[in-house]
C-alpha atoms as a PDB file:
ATOM      1  CA  MET A   1     152.353  90.295  89.988  1.00  0.00           C
ATOM      2  CA  PRO A   2     152.415  94.036  90.194  1.00  0.00           C
ATOM      3  CA  SER A   3     148.596  95.681  89.758  1.00  0.00           C
ATOM      4  CA  SER A   4     148.582  97.737  86.360  1.00  0.00           C
ATOM      5  CA  SER A   5     148.993 100.917  88.831  1.00  0.00           C
ATOM      6  CA  LYS A   6     152.413  99.630  89.607  1.00  0.00           C
ATOM      7  CA  LEU A   7     152.886  98.626  86.326  1.00  0.00           C
ATOM      8  CA  HIS A   8     155.440 100.826  83.659  1.00  0.00           C
ATOM      9  CA  ALA A   9     155.542 101.988  80.581  1.00  0.00           C
ATOM     10  CA  TYR A  10     158.060 103.403  78.019  1.00  0.00           C
ATOM     11  CA  ILE A  11     156.696 106.730  75.916  1.00  0.00           C
ATOM     12  CA  HIS A  12     157.973 109.964  74.782  1.00  0.00           C
ATOM     13  CA  GLY A  13     161.758 108.715  75.282  1.00  0.00           C
ATOM     14  CA  LYS A  14     161.251 107.741  79.119  1.00  0.00           C
ATOM     15  CA  ILE A  15     160.169 104.907  81.276  1.00  0.00           C
ATOM     16  CA  GLN A  16     157.197 106.484  83.191  1.00  0.00           C
ATOM     17  CA  PRO A  17     154.126 104.972  84.999  1.00  0.00           C
ATOM     18  CA  LEU A  18     151.651 103.440  83.173  1.00  0.00           C
ATOM     19  CA  GLN A  19     148.966 105.411  84.329  1.00  0.00           C
ATOM     20  CA  ASP A  20     150.737 108.626  83.241  1.00  0.00           C
ATOM     21  CA  ALA A  21     151.618 107.282  79.855  1.00  0.00           C
ATOM     22  CA  TYR A  22     149.075 108.888  77.357  1.00  0.00           C
ATOM     23  CA  LEU A  23     149.470 110.443  73.609  1.00  0.00           C
ATOM     24  CA  HIS A  24     147.966 113.910  72.049  1.00  0.00           C
ATOM     25  CA  VAL A  25     144.827 113.484  70.226  1.00  0.00           C
ATOM     26  CA  SER A  26     147.054 114.511  66.962  1.00  0.00           C
ATOM     27  CA  ASP A  27     148.833 111.623  66.546  1.00  0.00           C
ATOM     28  CA  LEU A  28     148.115 109.687  63.705  1.00  0.00           C
ATOM     29  CA  SER A  29     146.998 106.300  65.108  1.00  0.00           C
ATOM     30  CA  VAL A  30     143.870 107.935  66.796  1.00  0.00           C
ATOM     31  CA  GLN A  31     143.286 110.670  63.779  1.00  0.00           C
ATOM     32  CA  ARG A  32     143.668 107.635  61.363  1.00  0.00           C
ATOM     33  CA  GLY A  33     145.126 103.974  62.573  1.00  0.00           C
ATOM     34  CA  TYR A  34     148.437 104.542  61.524  1.00  0.00           C
ATOM     35  CA  GLY A  35     151.154 102.538  63.088  1.00  0.00           C
ATOM     36  CA  VAL A  36     152.568  99.807  63.637  1.00  0.00           C
ATOM     37  CA  PHE A  37     153.242  97.449  66.572  1.00  0.00           C
ATOM     38  CA  ASP A  38     155.137  93.580  67.757  1.00  0.00           C
ATOM     39  CA  PHE A  39     154.450  91.782  70.689  1.00  0.00           C
ATOM     40  CA  PHE A  40     157.096  89.108  72.204  1.00  0.00           C
ATOM     41  CA  LYS A  41     156.571  87.074  75.350  1.00  0.00           C
ATOM     42  CA  VAL A  42     158.532  87.208  78.188  1.00  0.00           C
ATOM     43  CA  GLN A  43     159.320  84.198  80.327  1.00  0.00           C
ATOM     44  CA  ASP A  44     160.920  83.864  83.511  1.00  0.00           C
ATOM     45  CA  GLY A  45     162.118  87.445  83.256  1.00  0.00           C
ATOM     46  CA  LYS A  46     163.463  87.382  80.018  1.00  0.00           C
ATOM     47  CA  PRO A  47     162.336  88.185  76.176  1.00  0.00           C
ATOM     48  CA  VAL A  48     162.019  84.829  74.256  1.00  0.00           C
ATOM     49  CA  PHE A  49     163.326  85.109  70.642  1.00  0.00           C
ATOM     50  CA  LEU A  50     163.259  88.945  70.649  1.00  0.00           C
ATOM     51  CA  ASP A  51     165.875  89.501  67.864  1.00  0.00           C
ATOM     52  CA  ASP A  52     163.355  87.932  65.319  1.00  0.00           C
ATOM     53  CA  TYR A  53     160.535  90.043  66.873  1.00  0.00           C
ATOM     54  CA  LEU A  54     163.046  92.961  66.601  1.00  0.00           C
ATOM     55  CA  GLN A  55     163.878  92.066  63.082  1.00  0.00           C
ATOM     56  CA  ARG A  56     160.057  92.541  61.917  1.00  0.00           C
ATOM     57  CA  PHE A  57     159.239  95.141  64.134  1.00  0.00           C
ATOM     58  CA  TYR A  58     161.684  97.587  62.207  1.00  0.00           C
ATOM     59  CA  GLU A  59     161.062  96.009  58.868  1.00  0.00           C
ATOM     60  CA  SER A  60     156.838  96.573  59.337  1.00  0.00           C
ATOM     61  CA  ALA A  61     158.053 100.032  60.337  1.00  0.00           C
ATOM     62  CA  ARG A  62     160.352 100.698  57.224  1.00  0.00           C
ATOM     63  CA  LEU A  63     157.443  99.033  54.850  1.00  0.00           C
ATOM     64  CA  MET A  64     155.072 101.945  56.994  1.00  0.00           C
ATOM     65  CA  ASP A  65     157.410 104.614  56.089  1.00  0.00           C
ATOM     66  CA  MET A  66     158.298 105.392  59.395  1.00  0.00           C
ATOM     67  CA  ALA A  67     161.596 105.360  61.255  1.00  0.00           C
ATOM     68  CA  VAL A  68     161.770 104.013  64.990  1.00  0.00           C
ATOM     69  CA  PRO A  69     163.505 106.511  67.131  1.00  0.00           C
ATOM     70  CA  LEU A  70     165.885 104.039  68.842  1.00  0.00           C
ATOM     71  CA  SER A  71     168.869 101.847  67.617  1.00  0.00           C
ATOM     72  CA  GLU A  72     168.394  98.338  68.129  1.00  0.00           C
ATOM     73  CA  LYS A  73     171.003  98.256  70.865  1.00  0.00           C
ATOM     74  CA  LYS A  74     169.492 100.938  72.696  1.00  0.00           C
ATOM     75  CA  LEU A  75     165.782  99.530  72.211  1.00  0.00           C
ATOM     76  CA  LYS A  76     166.923  96.275  73.803  1.00  0.00           C
ATOM     77  CA  GLU A  77     168.371  98.124  77.226  1.00  0.00           C
ATOM     78  CA  VAL A  78     165.005  99.927  77.384  1.00  0.00           C
ATOM     79  CA  ILE A  79     162.986  97.148  77.175  1.00  0.00           C
ATOM     80  CA  ALA A  80     165.651  95.344  79.561  1.00  0.00           C
ATOM     81  CA  GLN A  81     165.171  98.139  82.056  1.00  0.00           C
ATOM     82  CA  LEU A  82     161.468  98.416  81.366  1.00  0.00           C
ATOM     83  CA  ILE A  83     161.004  94.315  82.035  1.00  0.00           C
ATOM     84  CA  GLN A  84     163.503  94.711  85.206  1.00  0.00           C
ATOM     85  CA  LEU A  85     160.923  97.287  86.584  1.00  0.00           C
ATOM     86  CA  ASN A  86     157.866  95.951  86.114  1.00  0.00           C
ATOM     87  CA  GLN A  87     158.857  92.156  87.478  1.00  0.00           C
ATOM     88  CA  LEU A  88     156.329  89.998  85.704  1.00  0.00           C
ATOM     89  CA  PRO A  89     157.783  86.604  85.152  1.00  0.00           C
ATOM     90  CA  LEU A  90     155.281  85.407  82.214  1.00  0.00           C
ATOM     91  CA  SER A  91     154.645  88.779  80.332  1.00  0.00           C
ATOM     92  CA  GLY A  92     153.933  90.145  77.004  1.00  0.00           C
ATOM     93  CA  VAL A  93     156.029  93.473  75.876  1.00  0.00           C
ATOM     94  CA  LYS A  94     154.133  95.332  72.988  1.00  0.00           C
ATOM     95  CA  MET A  95     155.871  97.858  70.840  1.00  0.00           C
ATOM     96  CA  ILE A  96     153.680 100.719  69.098  1.00  0.00           C
ATOM     97  CA  LEU A  97     155.176 102.886  66.288  1.00  0.00           C
ATOM     98  CA  THR A  98     152.158 105.775  65.424  1.00  0.00           C
ATOM     99  CA  GLY A  99     152.471 108.097  62.928  1.00  0.00           C
ATOM    100  CA  GLY A 100     153.316 110.881  65.236  1.00  0.00           C
ATOM    101  CA  TYR A 101     151.604 114.117  65.919  1.00  0.00           C
ATOM    102  CA  SER A 102     150.926 115.598  62.567  1.00  0.00           C
ATOM    103  CA  PRO A 103     150.109 119.094  62.116  1.00  0.00           C
ATOM    104  CA  ASN A 104     146.680 118.075  59.709  1.00  0.00           C
ATOM    105  CA  GLY A 105     145.671 114.676  60.723  1.00  0.00           C
ATOM    106  CA  TYR A 106     147.092 113.272  57.799  1.00  0.00           C
ATOM    107  CA  ASP A 107     150.593 113.664  56.942  1.00  0.00           C
ATOM    108  CA  LEU A 108     153.452 111.185  59.002  1.00  0.00           C
ATOM    109  CA  ALA A 109     154.997 113.356  61.241  1.00  0.00           C
ATOM    110  CA  ALA A 110     157.556 111.957  64.148  1.00  0.00           C
ATOM    111  CA  PRO A 111     156.967 108.846  64.920  1.00  0.00           C
ATOM    112  CA  ASN A 112     156.084 108.191  68.746  1.00  0.00           C
ATOM    113  CA  LEU A 113     157.246 104.893  70.375  1.00  0.00           C
ATOM    114  CA  ILE A 114     155.463 103.213  72.936  1.00  0.00           C
ATOM    115  CA  MET A 115     155.794 100.641  74.872  1.00  0.00           C
ATOM    116  CA  MET A 116     153.922  98.176  77.743  1.00  0.00           C
ATOM    117  CA  GLN A 117     153.926  95.134  79.613  1.00  0.00           C
ATOM    118  CA  GLN A 118     151.063  93.176  80.648  1.00  0.00           C
ATOM    119  CA  GLY A 119     151.196  89.804  81.981  1.00  0.00           C
ATOM    120  CA  PHE A 120     149.015  86.466  80.588  1.00  0.00           C
ATOM    121  CA  SER A 121     148.433  82.702  80.801  1.00  0.00           C
ATOM    122  CA  LEU A 122     149.088  80.393  78.298  1.00  0.00           C
ATOM    123  CA  PRO A 123     146.946  77.672  76.903  1.00  0.00           C
ATOM    124  CA  ASN A 124     146.337  75.135  79.502  1.00  0.00           C
ATOM    125  CA  ARG A 125     146.654  71.388  79.333  1.00  0.00           C
ATOM    126  CA  ALA A 126     143.109  71.114  78.945  1.00  0.00           C
ATOM    127  CA  THR A 127     142.007  73.438  76.224  1.00  0.00           C
ATOM    128  CA  VAL A 128     145.616  72.038  73.849  1.00  0.00           C
ATOM    129  CA  GLU A 129     143.433  69.018  74.373  1.00  0.00           C
ATOM    130  CA  GLU A 130     139.880  69.633  73.631  1.00  0.00           C
ATOM    131  CA  GLY A 131     141.099  72.100  70.720  1.00  0.00           C
ATOM    132  CA  ILE A 132     139.281  75.307  69.786  1.00  0.00           C
ATOM    133  CA  LYS A 133     136.349  75.582  66.943  1.00  0.00           C
ATOM    134  CA  ILE A 134     136.371  78.696  64.462  1.00  0.00           C
ATOM    135  CA  ILE A 135     135.111  80.406  61.302  1.00  0.00           C
ATOM    136  CA  THR A 136     135.978  81.694  58.143  1.00  0.00           C
ATOM    137  CA  HIS A 137     135.524  85.085  57.034  1.00  0.00           C
ATOM    138  CA  GLU A 138     136.312  86.449  53.034  1.00  0.00           C
ATOM    139  CA  TYR A 139     139.009  89.350  53.833  1.00  0.00           C
ATOM    140  CA  VAL A 140     142.651  90.159  53.169  1.00  0.00           C
ATOM    141  CA  ARG A 141     144.058  92.377  55.339  1.00  0.00           C
ATOM    142  CA  GLU A 142     145.930  95.419  54.251  1.00  0.00           C
ATOM    143  CA  ILE A 143     149.653  95.210  53.699  1.00  0.00           C
ATOM    144  CA  PRO A 144     149.417  91.475  55.241  1.00  0.00           C
ATOM    145  CA  VAL A 145     153.484  91.706  55.557  1.00  0.00           C
ATOM    146  CA  ALA A 146     153.227  94.400  57.805  1.00  0.00           C
ATOM    147  CA  LYS A 147     152.013  94.226  61.712  1.00  0.00           C
ATOM    148  CA  THR A 148     150.285  97.104  61.706  1.00  0.00           C
ATOM    149  CA  ILE A 149     147.497  97.938  64.437  1.00  0.00           C
ATOM    150  CA  ASN A 150     144.314  97.738  61.858  1.00  0.00           C
ATOM    151  CA  TYR A 151     142.498  95.145  63.866  1.00  0.00           C
ATOM    152  CA  THR A 152     139.035  96.506  62.512  1.00  0.00           C
ATOM    153  CA  VAL A 153     137.808  93.668  60.561  1.00  0.00           C
ATOM    154  CA  GLY A 154     138.474  90.826  63.588  1.00  0.00           C
ATOM    155  CA  ILE A 155     137.118  93.239  66.418  1.00  0.00           C
ATOM    156  CA  ARG A 156     133.756  93.408  64.270  1.00  0.00           C
ATOM    157  CA  LEU A 157     133.835  90.209  63.825  1.00  0.00           C
ATOM    158  CA  GLN A 158     133.835  89.102  67.666  1.00  0.00           C
ATOM    159  CA  LYS A 159     130.471  89.093  68.155  1.00  0.00           C
ATOM    160  CA  GLU A 160     129.564  86.651  65.096  1.00  0.00           C
ATOM    161  CA  ILE A 161     131.909  84.465  66.505  1.00  0.00           C
ATOM    162  CA  LYS A 162     130.927  84.068  69.894  1.00  0.00           C
ATOM    163  CA  ALA A 163     127.438  83.664  68.019  1.00  0.00           C
ATOM    164  CA  GLN A 164     128.578  80.833  65.936  1.00  0.00           C
ATOM    165  CA  GLY A 165     129.974  79.233  69.526  1.00  0.00           C
ATOM    166  CA  ALA A 166     133.783  79.434  67.844  1.00  0.00           C
ATOM    167  CA  ASP A 167     136.736  80.830  69.426  1.00  0.00           C
ATOM    168  CA  ASP A 168     138.696  82.793  66.436  1.00  0.00           C
ATOM    169  CA  VAL A 169     137.685  83.629  62.529  1.00  0.00           C
ATOM    170  CA  LEU A 170     140.297  82.765  59.517  1.00  0.00           C
ATOM    171  CA  TYR A 171     140.750  84.668  56.665  1.00  0.00           C
ATOM    172  CA  HIS A 172     139.630  83.630  53.328  1.00  0.00           C
ATOM    173  CA  GLN A 173     139.930  85.010  49.639  1.00  0.00           C
ATOM    174  CA  GLN A 174     137.836  82.943  47.007  1.00  0.00           C
ATOM    175  CA  GLY A 175     138.288  80.196  49.362  1.00  0.00           C
ATOM    176  CA  THR A 176     142.144  80.295  49.770  1.00  0.00           C
ATOM    177  CA  VAL A 177     142.939  80.907  53.519  1.00  0.00           C
ATOM    178  CA  THR A 178     145.514  83.247  54.845  1.00  0.00           C
ATOM    179  CA  GLU A 179     145.874  83.881  58.623  1.00  0.00           C
ATOM    180  CA  PHE A 180     143.955  84.622  61.591  1.00  0.00           C
ATOM    181  CA  PRO A 181     143.345  88.394  62.855  1.00  0.00           C
ATOM    182  CA  ARG A 182     146.490  87.242  65.636  1.00  0.00           C
ATOM    183  CA  CYS A 183     147.724  83.781  64.545  1.00  0.00           C
ATOM    184  CA  ASN A 184     148.650  81.888  61.791  1.00  0.00           C
ATOM    185  CA  PHE A 185     147.087  78.641  60.178  1.00  0.00           C
ATOM    186  CA  PHE A 186     148.756  75.227  59.682  1.00  0.00           C
ATOM    187  CA  ILE A 187     146.974  71.975  58.318  1.00  0.00           C
ATOM    188  CA  VAL A 188     148.413  68.550  58.491  1.00  0.00           C
ATOM    189  CA  LYS A 189     147.453  66.405  55.663  1.00  0.00           C
ATOM    190  CA  GLN A 190     146.738  62.569  55.520  1.00  0.00           C
ATOM    191  CA  ASP A 191     150.397  62.004  54.828  1.00  0.00           C
ATOM    192  CA  ASN A 192     151.586  63.924  58.167  1.00  0.00           C
ATOM    193  CA  THR A 193     152.561  66.850  55.565  1.00  0.00           C
ATOM    194  CA  VAL A 194     152.511  70.039  57.077  1.00  0.00           C
ATOM    195  CA  VAL A 195     151.258  73.047  55.764  1.00  0.00           C
ATOM    196  CA  THR A 196     150.784  76.719  56.063  1.00  0.00           C
ATOM    197  CA  PRO A 197     149.985  79.109  53.775  1.00  0.00           C
ATOM    198  CA  ALA A 198     152.892  81.680  52.252  1.00  0.00           C
ATOM    199  CA  LYS A 199     151.072  84.528  50.496  1.00  0.00           C
ATOM    200  CA  ASP A 200     149.382  87.707  52.350  1.00  0.00           C
ATOM    201  CA  VAL A 201     150.093  86.738  55.710  1.00  0.00           C
ATOM    202  CA  LEU A 202     152.157  88.267  58.237  1.00  0.00           C
ATOM    203  CA  LEU A 203     155.348  85.756  58.595  1.00  0.00           C
ATOM    204  CA  GLY A 204     154.325  85.181  62.699  1.00  0.00           C
ATOM    205  CA  ILE A 205     157.819  84.454  64.517  1.00  0.00           C
ATOM    206  CA  THR A 206     155.692  81.146  66.488  1.00  0.00           C
ATOM    207  CA  ARG A 207     155.528  80.519  62.094  1.00  0.00           C
ATOM    208  CA  LYS A 208     158.868  80.326  61.817  1.00  0.00           C
ATOM    209  CA  ARG A 209     160.127  78.406  64.653  1.00  0.00           C
ATOM    210  CA  THR A 210     156.534  75.774  63.795  1.00  0.00           C
ATOM    211  CA  LEU A 211     158.219  75.064  60.618  1.00  0.00           C
ATOM    212  CA  GLU A 212     161.375  74.207  61.582  1.00  0.00           C
ATOM    213  CA  LEU A 213     160.780  71.875  64.368  1.00  0.00           C
ATOM    214  CA  ALA A 214     158.727  70.545  61.997  1.00  0.00           C
ATOM    215  CA  SER A 215     160.397  70.263  59.312  1.00  0.00           C
ATOM    216  CA  GLN A 216     162.743  68.213  61.511  1.00  0.00           C
ATOM    217  CA  GLN A 217     160.105  65.457  61.946  1.00  0.00           C
ATOM    218  CA  TYR A 218     157.604  65.585  58.996  1.00  0.00           C
ATOM    219  CA  PRO A 219     157.334  66.649  55.030  1.00  0.00           C
ATOM    220  CA  VAL A 220     157.155  70.992  55.522  1.00  0.00           C
ATOM    221  CA  VAL A 221     154.986  73.221  52.424  1.00  0.00           C
ATOM    222  CA  GLU A 222     154.760  76.700  52.361  1.00  0.00           C
ATOM    223  CA  GLY A 223     151.975  77.700  49.821  1.00  0.00           C
ATOM    224  CA  PRO A 224     148.088  77.128  48.689  1.00  0.00           C
ATOM    225  CA  VAL A 225     145.766  76.381  50.984  1.00  0.00           C
ATOM    226  CA  THR A 226     142.004  76.309  50.094  1.00  0.00           C
ATOM    227  CA  LEU A 227     138.904  75.336  52.600  1.00  0.00           C
ATOM    228  CA  GLU A 228     138.672  72.360  50.823  1.00  0.00           C
ATOM    229  CA  ASP A 229     141.931  71.254  51.959  1.00  0.00           C
ATOM    230  CA  ILE A 230     141.082  72.191  55.755  1.00  0.00           C
ATOM    231  CA  TYR A 231     137.884  69.806  55.193  1.00  0.00           C
ATOM    232  CA  GLN A 232     140.253  66.962  54.026  1.00  0.00           C
ATOM    233  CA  ALA A 233     143.468  67.301  56.518  1.00  0.00           C
ATOM    234  CA  LYS A 234     144.247  65.341  59.276  1.00  0.00           C
ATOM    235  CA  GLU A 235     144.858  67.862  61.917  1.00  0.00           C
ATOM    236  CA  ALA A 236     144.766  71.646  61.798  1.00  0.00           C
ATOM    237  CA  PHE A 237     146.257  74.212  64.492  1.00  0.00           C
ATOM    238  CA  LEU A 238     146.947  77.522  64.701  1.00  0.00           C
ATOM    239  CA  THR A 239     150.054  79.293  66.270  1.00  0.00           C
ATOM    240  CA  SER A 240     150.907  82.497  67.937  1.00  0.00           C
ATOM    241  CA  THR A 241     153.054  84.235  70.200  1.00  0.00           C
ATOM    242  CA  THR A 242     150.401  84.099  73.086  1.00  0.00           C
ATOM    243  CA  LYS A 243     148.559  80.643  72.071  1.00  0.00           C
ATOM    244  CA  ARG A 244     152.024  78.716  71.151  1.00  0.00           C
ATOM    245  CA  ILE A 245     150.704  75.948  68.879  1.00  0.00           C
ATOM    246  CA  LEU A 246     146.838  75.434  69.521  1.00  0.00           C
ATOM    247  CA  PRO A 247     144.778  72.617  68.008  1.00  0.00           C
ATOM    248  CA  ILE A 248     141.674  72.971  65.489  1.00  0.00           C
ATOM    249  CA  VAL A 249     138.816  70.591  65.860  1.00  0.00           C
ATOM    250  CA  GLN A 250     136.397  72.193  64.029  1.00  0.00           C
ATOM    251  CA  VAL A 251     136.215  74.826  61.127  1.00  0.00           C
ATOM    252  CA  ASN A 252     132.556  76.016  60.122  1.00  0.00           C
ATOM    253  CA  GLY A 253     130.635  73.370  62.225  1.00  0.00           C
ATOM    254  CA  ARG A 254     133.125  70.466  60.419  1.00  0.00           C
ATOM    255  CA  ALA A 255     135.036  68.472  62.306  1.00  0.00           C
ATOM    256  CA  ILE A 256     138.586  67.951  61.174  1.00  0.00           C
ATOM    257  CA  GLY A 257     139.909  64.413  60.996  1.00  0.00           C
ATOM    258  CA  ASP A 258     138.465  62.809  64.019  1.00  0.00           C
ATOM    259  CA  GLY A 259     137.598  65.841  65.840  1.00  0.00           C
ATOM    260  CA  LYS A 260     140.208  65.595  68.244  1.00  0.00           C
ATOM    261  CA  SER A 261     143.752  67.085  68.986  1.00  0.00           C
ATOM    262  CA  GLY A 262     146.329  65.678  66.695  1.00  0.00           C
ATOM    263  CA  THR A 263     149.747  63.866  67.444  1.00  0.00           C
ATOM    264  CA  VAL A 264     151.212  65.792  65.423  1.00  0.00           C
ATOM    265  CA  THR A 265     149.974  69.114  66.772  1.00  0.00           C
ATOM    266  CA  LEU A 266     150.765  68.018  70.346  1.00  0.00           C
ATOM    267  CA  ASP A 267     154.342  66.405  69.146  1.00  0.00           C
ATOM    268  CA  LEU A 268     155.161  69.902  67.673  1.00  0.00           C
ATOM    269  CA  LEU A 269     153.928  72.035  70.498  1.00  0.00           C
ATOM    270  CA  ASP A 270     156.189  69.663  72.854  1.00  0.00           C
ATOM    271  CA  ARG A 271     158.971  70.889  70.478  1.00  0.00           C
ATOM    272  CA  LEU A 272     158.038  74.551  70.472  1.00  0.00           C
ATOM    273  CA  ILE A 273     157.985  74.610  74.560  1.00  0.00           C
ATOM    274  CA  ALA A 274     160.922  72.496  74.771  1.00  0.00           C
ATOM    275  CA  GLN A 275     162.879  75.302  72.083  1.00  0.00           C
ATOM    276  CA  GLU A 276     161.025  77.990  74.816  1.00  0.00           C
ATOM    277  CA  GLU A 277     162.496  76.469  77.890  1.00  0.00           C
ATOM    278  CA  GLN A 278     165.819  76.452  75.860  1.00  0.00           C
ATOM    279  CA  GLN A 279     166.598  79.775  75.071  1.00  0.00           C
ATOM    280  CA  VAL A 280     165.206  81.405  77.723  1.00  0.00           C
ATOM    281  CA  SER A 281     168.106  78.717  79.921  1.00  0.00           C
ATOM    282  CA  ARG A 282     170.870  80.481  77.278  1.00  0.00           C
ATOM    283  CA  THR A 283     169.865  84.280  78.199  1.00  0.00           C
ATOM    284  CA  ALA A 284     171.867  86.406  80.645  1.00  0.00           C
END
């Protein structure tokens, strides 16, 4: 795997060494934390479900009144060049669109498009079988349907998460849960119905795929999920690009179901992995 000094990024309309990729301090992402991003997985050197991620990226930009400076066709060409240059078989590409170099630190300017690639590892089987523990926190993201760069609350809560021996934090509003800072949330009811929150959440790509796969085998519901629903659930899990489907065995110190990774969750994970591999094999 190339070291970070060998990697390249896209910025200011061209691909250049990552170590030379800089933004000016006048950018609204620095001044006000204004911008959107998206992140997709590269497996065996090929992007996974790229069209879905690009659609969400352009929609996030629209919602934040910014225009992506490249057409989708051109953006795909640059992505292919970046992947070819960096040679990272299992990695993620992050696309960031900032508010631009604002003359007064407040008004929108011409957006800056940044793309960078970094390696990562997926959860191993031991982690999946053990499951994770989470806590909850009352908060709803601003403009939840847009994938903005504002992760202030999630980052601030890292210390509390670790202090409680947990792995992540699930947001809720007056007992109705929504999402994690970087993941979507699901429960499996006692009758194997798969349920995920539908309001005030980012429409994750892995969430979308999980719903499609679940509907082939189980009843599926997109609707309200309360903390009490979680405590009464048979299983719980989260979904994301980097974690795929990861079982949750404990919430706020209370075991979910029998406190072990559930059979429905593991079945959906196996189906998702198979779908990803199939999609990669079809990608030219």
